[in-house]
Amino acid sequence: MTARRLCCGLAVLLLNGCESLWTITNRSGLEADVRELLKTAAVEPQHLNCRMVGSTRNAACSLRLSSPEAASVIRALALEGIQASSESSSPQARLIAHAGPSCVADRSRPIVTYGRGNRPTSLRLASGTAFEYLLLTINKSTAQACVQVSYSYG
């Protein structure tokens, strides 16, 4: 293999691998933080699959939530229902606009979204870390859910 091919391969790996490296580096902490939030609602998912969105502070975790578990999370984190309307300028609609892609794979109805923004105390962790916002998207027919968060600055 020539030095040029090796350098090109390394450049491609570095350019395409940053997002994967960012996720790998931050996944365990992210999963622990999301589990901590869910635990305040007495919800402990068996499978939580988290990933960072690009190299940003945004992240998404997929899981399954039964109706009682979803209701418990909504209540414990004081989440509000969000109507996905492109014409709305409400704070909740802006949450959706700034969030990364949802991890709910099956986008068929009935999809419901709840959220909370502006770094509320319900999204503060014991370590002092906080989330700027949290979006919870649920496919009610499959119980597939997506928790989207953004770590706050400072």
Protein backbone atom coordinates (compact mmCIF):
# COMPACT_ATOMS: atom_id res chain seq x y z
CA MET A 1 0.00 0.00 0.00
CA THR A 2 1.38 3.37 -0.96
CA ALA A 3 1.78 6.21 1.48
CA ARG A 4 -0.78 8.24 -0.49
CA ARG A 5 -3.43 5.50 -0.21
CA LEU A 6 -2.68 5.12 3.48
CA CYS A 7 -3.04 8.87 4.07
CA CYS A 8 -6.30 9.01 2.09
CA GLY A 9 -7.68 6.07 4.05
CA LEU A 10 -6.69 7.67 7.34
CA ALA A 11 -8.27 10.99 6.32
CA VAL A 12 -11.56 9.26 5.42
CA LEU A 13 -11.51 7.37 8.72
CA LEU A 14 -10.91 10.56 10.68
CA LEU A 15 -13.56 12.57 8.84
CA ASN A 16 -16.23 9.87 8.98
CA GLY A 17 -15.22 8.43 12.32
CA CYS A 18 -15.59 11.55 14.47
CA GLU A 19 -19.30 11.02 15.06
CA SER A 20 -18.79 7.36 15.94
CA LEU A 21 -15.88 8.19 18.22
CA TRP A 22 -17.95 10.93 19.92
CA THR A 23 -20.77 8.42 20.54
CA ILE A 24 -18.43 5.69 21.77
CA THR A 25 -16.66 8.09 24.12
CA ASN A 26 -19.88 9.51 25.59
CA ARG A 27 -22.34 6.59 25.40
CA SER A 28 -21.87 5.14 28.90
CA GLY A 29 -22.17 8.52 30.62
CA LEU A 30 -25.18 9.44 28.48
CA GLU A 31 -26.94 6.17 29.24
CA ALA A 32 -26.24 6.58 32.97
CA ASP A 33 -27.62 10.14 32.90
CA VAL A 34 -30.80 9.15 31.04
CA ARG A 35 -31.29 6.15 33.36
CA GLU A 36 -30.95 8.52 36.34
CA LEU A 37 -33.72 10.73 34.96
CA LEU A 38 -35.97 7.77 34.21
CA LYS A 39 -35.36 6.38 37.68
CA THR A 40 -37.00 9.50 39.16
CA ALA A 41 -40.14 8.19 37.45
CA ALA A 42 -39.54 4.65 38.80
CA VAL A 43 -38.80 3.46 35.27
CA GLU A 44 -35.78 1.25 34.68
CA PRO A 45 -35.63 0.12 31.04
CA GLN A 46 -33.91 -3.17 30.28
CA HIS A 47 -32.63 -1.96 26.92
CA LEU A 48 -31.53 1.62 26.39
CA ASN A 49 -29.72 2.32 23.13
CA CYS A 50 -28.15 5.79 23.15
CA ARG A 51 -26.09 7.75 20.65
CA MET A 52 -24.78 11.26 20.35
CA VAL A 53 -26.08 13.35 17.42
CA GLY A 54 -23.06 14.29 15.37
CA SER A 55 -20.40 15.89 17.53
CA THR A 56 -22.92 18.10 19.35
CA ARG A 57 -24.29 18.09 22.89
CA ASN A 58 -27.51 16.51 21.55
CA ALA A 59 -28.29 12.84 22.01
CA ALA A 60 -31.05 10.31 21.44
CA CYS A 61 -31.90 7.09 23.28
CA SER A 62 -34.36 4.48 22.09
CA LEU A 63 -36.27 2.26 24.50
CA ARG A 64 -39.65 0.65 25.06
CA LEU A 65 -42.14 2.28 27.43
CA SER A 66 -45.47 0.79 28.43
CA SER A 67 -48.37 3.22 28.79
CA PRO A 68 -48.05 3.31 32.61
CA GLU A 69 -44.27 3.85 32.35
CA ALA A 70 -44.73 6.65 29.81
CA ALA A 71 -47.33 8.32 32.04
CA SER A 72 -44.95 8.07 34.99
CA VAL A 73 -42.09 9.69 33.04
CA ILE A 74 -44.35 12.48 31.76
CA ARG A 75 -45.58 13.19 35.28
CA ALA A 76 -42.20 12.93 37.07
CA LEU A 77 -40.37 15.16 34.59
CA ALA A 78 -43.31 17.57 34.20
CA LEU A 79 -43.34 17.13 30.42
CA GLU A 80 -45.89 18.96 28.31
CA GLY A 81 -47.65 17.66 25.20
CA ILE A 82 -46.25 19.07 21.97
CA GLN A 83 -48.22 19.53 18.79
CA ALA A 84 -45.92 19.06 15.80
CA SER A 85 -46.99 22.02 13.70
CA SER A 86 -44.63 23.83 11.40
CA GLU A 87 -46.65 27.03 11.85
CA SER A 88 -46.41 27.13 15.62
CA SER A 89 -43.88 29.44 17.26
CA SER A 90 -44.45 28.07 20.75
CA PRO A 91 -41.42 27.14 22.89
CA GLN A 92 -42.41 23.49 22.55
CA ALA A 93 -42.44 23.70 18.73
CA ARG A 94 -38.98 25.31 18.85
CA LEU A 95 -37.77 22.28 20.85
CA ILE A 96 -38.71 20.01 17.97
CA ALA A 97 -37.03 22.33 15.45
CA HIS A 98 -33.71 22.24 17.36
CA ALA A 99 -33.73 18.53 18.23
CA GLY A 100 -31.87 15.94 16.25
CA PRO A 101 -33.67 13.19 14.39
CA SER A 102 -36.04 11.07 16.46
CA CYS A 103 -35.01 7.49 17.13
CA VAL A 104 -38.59 6.23 16.77
CA ALA A 105 -38.15 4.15 13.63
CA ASP A 106 -41.81 3.48 12.86
CA ARG A 107 -43.29 6.93 12.26
CA SER A 108 -46.82 5.62 11.73
CA ARG A 109 -49.60 6.95 13.90
CA PRO A 110 -50.23 7.27 16.77
CA ILE A 111 -47.03 9.18 17.53
CA VAL A 112 -47.14 11.54 20.51
CA THR A 113 -44.45 13.94 21.67
CA TYR A 114 -43.87 15.50 25.07
CA GLY A 115 -41.12 17.85 26.12
CA ARG A 116 -39.61 20.32 28.47
CA GLY A 117 -37.05 23.02 27.74
CA ASN A 118 -35.13 25.93 29.22
CA ARG A 119 -33.11 23.77 31.63
CA PRO A 120 -35.85 23.01 34.18
CA THR A 121 -34.93 21.64 37.59
CA SER A 122 -36.63 18.34 36.69
CA LEU A 123 -33.80 17.78 34.15
CA ARG A 124 -30.98 18.40 36.64
CA LEU A 125 -28.85 15.42 37.64
CA ALA A 126 -27.25 14.64 41.00
CA SER A 127 -23.78 15.28 39.51
CA GLY A 128 -24.76 18.90 38.80
CA THR A 129 -25.06 18.23 35.08
CA ALA A 130 -28.31 19.33 33.47
CA PHE A 131 -30.13 18.88 30.21
CA GLU A 132 -31.22 21.97 28.30
CA TYR A 133 -34.26 20.12 26.99
CA LEU A 134 -35.83 16.68 26.82
CA LEU A 135 -38.20 15.40 24.16
CA LEU A 136 -40.05 12.12 24.57
CA THR A 137 -41.58 10.67 21.40
CA ILE A 138 -43.72 7.57 21.72
CA ASN A 139 -45.37 5.31 19.18
CA LYS A 140 -48.36 4.27 21.29
CA SER A 141 -49.15 1.19 19.20
CA THR A 142 -45.63 -0.32 19.47
CA ALA A 143 -44.45 1.22 22.78
CA GLN A 144 -41.27 2.27 20.97
CA ALA A 145 -40.00 5.50 22.50
CA CYS A 146 -37.24 7.99 21.93
CA VAL A 147 -35.73 10.27 24.55
CA GLN A 148 -33.89 13.19 22.99
CA VAL A 149 -31.77 15.43 25.19
CA SER A 150 -29.25 18.21 24.93
CA TYR A 151 -26.62 18.72 27.59
CA SER A 152 -26.64 22.32 28.80
CA TYR A 153 -23.62 24.57 28.93
CA GLY A 154 -22.13 25.26 32.34
